[in-house]
């Protein structure tokens, strides 16, 4: 069954849930001096994943647009992992929380990559009327 809305996509649900977790973690668990530095960056990159999936799904009629936005989602996923790595390496994020989030983003990245590959090989552009 084809998804009828972006929130039918597993990658969207996972990315949104992770963005909420990162948002709360960045506000409640990181040192206050990180609030406008790395915490802000990790919040933005984590939220960009879901946003790019939504925008891509809205443009799914146009294969190249859809693929580009899914590529942006993958890039934002990688960026989020890099911010988490910086936070743990600077001592701002505890190792167990880092491991949990980093592994979740690694899994999401794999799912996004597979989803993009499926769109690339199975996408059929609809002919426009008119």
Protein backbone atom coordinates (compact mmCIF):
# COMPACT_ATOMS: atom_id res chain seq x y z
CA UNK A 1 0.00 0.00 0.00
CA UNK A 2 1.36 3.41 -0.97
CA UNK A 3 1.59 6.06 1.73
CA UNK A 4 -1.13 8.67 1.39
CA UNK A 5 0.51 11.26 3.63
CA UNK A 6 4.02 12.00 4.88
CA UNK A 7 3.10 10.81 8.37
CA UNK A 8 2.44 7.34 6.92
CA UNK A 9 6.18 7.03 6.26
CA UNK A 10 8.22 5.12 8.84
CA UNK A 11 11.24 7.36 8.22
CA UNK A 12 9.14 10.42 9.02
CA UNK A 13 7.79 8.95 12.27
CA UNK A 14 11.27 7.90 13.38
CA UNK A 15 12.83 11.24 12.50
CA UNK A 16 10.11 13.22 14.28
CA UNK A 17 10.36 11.09 17.42
CA UNK A 18 14.14 11.46 17.46
CA UNK A 19 13.89 15.23 16.93
CA UNK A 20 11.60 15.49 19.95
CA UNK A 21 14.04 13.41 22.02
CA UNK A 22 16.99 15.57 20.93
CA UNK A 23 15.03 18.74 21.64
CA UNK A 24 14.26 17.69 25.21
CA UNK A 25 17.78 16.34 25.78
CA UNK A 26 19.39 19.54 24.54
CA UNK A 27 17.32 21.69 26.89
CA UNK A 28 17.32 19.53 30.01
CA UNK A 29 20.61 17.59 29.93
CA UNK A 30 23.23 19.81 28.34
CA UNK A 31 25.13 22.53 30.18
CA UNK A 32 23.51 25.95 29.91
CA UNK A 33 26.52 27.36 28.02
CA UNK A 34 25.66 24.97 25.16
CA UNK A 35 22.09 26.26 24.83
CA UNK A 36 22.92 28.71 22.03
CA UNK A 37 25.91 26.84 20.67
CA UNK A 38 26.01 23.13 19.92
CA UNK A 39 22.55 22.49 21.45
CA UNK A 40 20.98 24.88 18.97
CA UNK A 41 22.84 23.23 16.08
CA UNK A 42 21.83 19.69 17.04
CA UNK A 43 18.19 20.75 17.46
CA UNK A 44 18.12 22.36 14.02
CA UNK A 45 19.80 19.48 12.21
CA UNK A 46 17.57 16.88 13.90
CA UNK A 47 14.42 18.80 12.99
CA UNK A 48 15.65 19.34 9.42
CA UNK A 49 15.49 15.59 8.78
CA UNK A 50 11.74 15.43 9.31
CA UNK A 51 11.20 18.74 7.49
CA UNK A 52 13.05 17.52 4.40
CA UNK A 53 11.07 14.26 4.36
CA UNK A 54 7.82 16.24 4.52
CA UNK A 55 8.87 18.63 1.77
CA UNK A 56 10.12 15.76 -0.39
CA UNK A 57 6.89 13.84 0.03
CA UNK A 58 4.93 16.94 -0.99
CA UNK A 59 7.02 17.02 -4.20
CA UNK A 60 6.91 13.26 -4.78
CA UNK A 61 5.35 13.78 -8.21
CA UNK A 62 8.75 15.10 -9.30
CA UNK A 63 11.31 12.34 -8.86
CA UNK A 64 14.40 14.56 -8.88
CA UNK A 65 12.94 16.93 -6.26
CA UNK A 66 11.93 14.00 -4.06
CA UNK A 67 15.39 12.43 -4.33
CA UNK A 68 17.14 15.73 -3.63
CA UNK A 69 15.13 16.35 -0.48
CA UNK A 70 15.70 12.80 0.73
CA UNK A 71 19.42 13.40 0.15
CA UNK A 72 19.14 16.54 2.30
CA UNK A 73 17.42 14.45 5.00
CA UNK A 74 20.31 11.97 4.94
CA UNK A 75 22.81 14.84 5.13
CA UNK A 76 20.97 16.33 8.11
CA UNK A 77 21.00 12.91 9.77
CA UNK A 78 24.78 12.75 9.33
CA UNK A 79 25.10 16.32 10.60
CA UNK A 80 23.11 15.40 13.71
CA UNK A 81 25.44 12.47 14.40
CA UNK A 82 28.43 14.80 14.06
CA UNK A 83 26.92 17.28 16.56
CA UNK A 84 26.27 14.44 19.01
CA UNK A 85 29.89 13.30 18.60
CA UNK A 86 31.13 16.83 19.36
CA UNK A 87 28.91 17.04 22.42
CA UNK A 88 30.16 13.78 23.89
CA UNK A 89 33.81 14.50 23.02
CA UNK A 90 33.65 17.89 24.73
CA UNK A 91 32.09 16.35 27.83
CA UNK A 92 28.74 18.10 27.46
CA UNK A 93 26.77 14.91 26.77
CA UNK A 94 27.08 11.72 28.80
CA UNK A 95 28.29 8.65 26.97
CA UNK A 96 25.20 6.48 27.54
CA UNK A 97 22.82 9.11 26.14
CA UNK A 98 25.21 9.65 23.23
CA UNK A 99 25.31 5.91 22.47
CA UNK A 100 21.53 5.64 22.54
CA UNK A 101 20.93 8.65 20.26
CA UNK A 102 23.84 7.98 17.92
CA UNK A 103 22.71 4.39 17.32
CA UNK A 104 19.14 5.57 16.68
CA UNK A 105 20.41 8.08 14.12
CA UNK A 106 22.62 5.42 12.53
CA UNK A 107 19.54 3.21 12.10
CA UNK A 108 17.48 6.13 10.77
CA UNK A 109 20.23 6.97 8.28
CA UNK A 110 20.21 3.40 6.97
CA UNK A 111 16.42 3.48 6.58
CA UNK A 112 16.59 6.85 4.81
CA UNK A 113 19.26 5.55 2.46
CA UNK A 114 17.15 2.46 1.64
CA UNK A 115 14.03 4.60 1.21
CA UNK A 116 15.86 6.93 -1.18
CA UNK A 117 17.12 3.91 -3.15
CA UNK A 118 13.57 2.53 -3.37
CA UNK A 119 12.25 5.89 -4.60
CA UNK A 120 15.06 6.04 -7.15
CA UNK A 121 14.34 2.61 -8.59
CA UNK A 122 10.53 2.44 -8.22
CA UNK A 123 9.36 6.02 -8.71
CA UNK A 124 6.95 6.65 -11.54
CA UNK A 125 6.32 10.25 -12.46
CA UNK A 126 2.63 10.90 -13.00
CA UNK A 127 1.71 12.56 -16.27
CA UNK A 128 0.14 15.95 -15.71
CA UNK A 129 -3.28 16.66 -17.11
CA UNK A 130 -3.71 19.48 -19.57
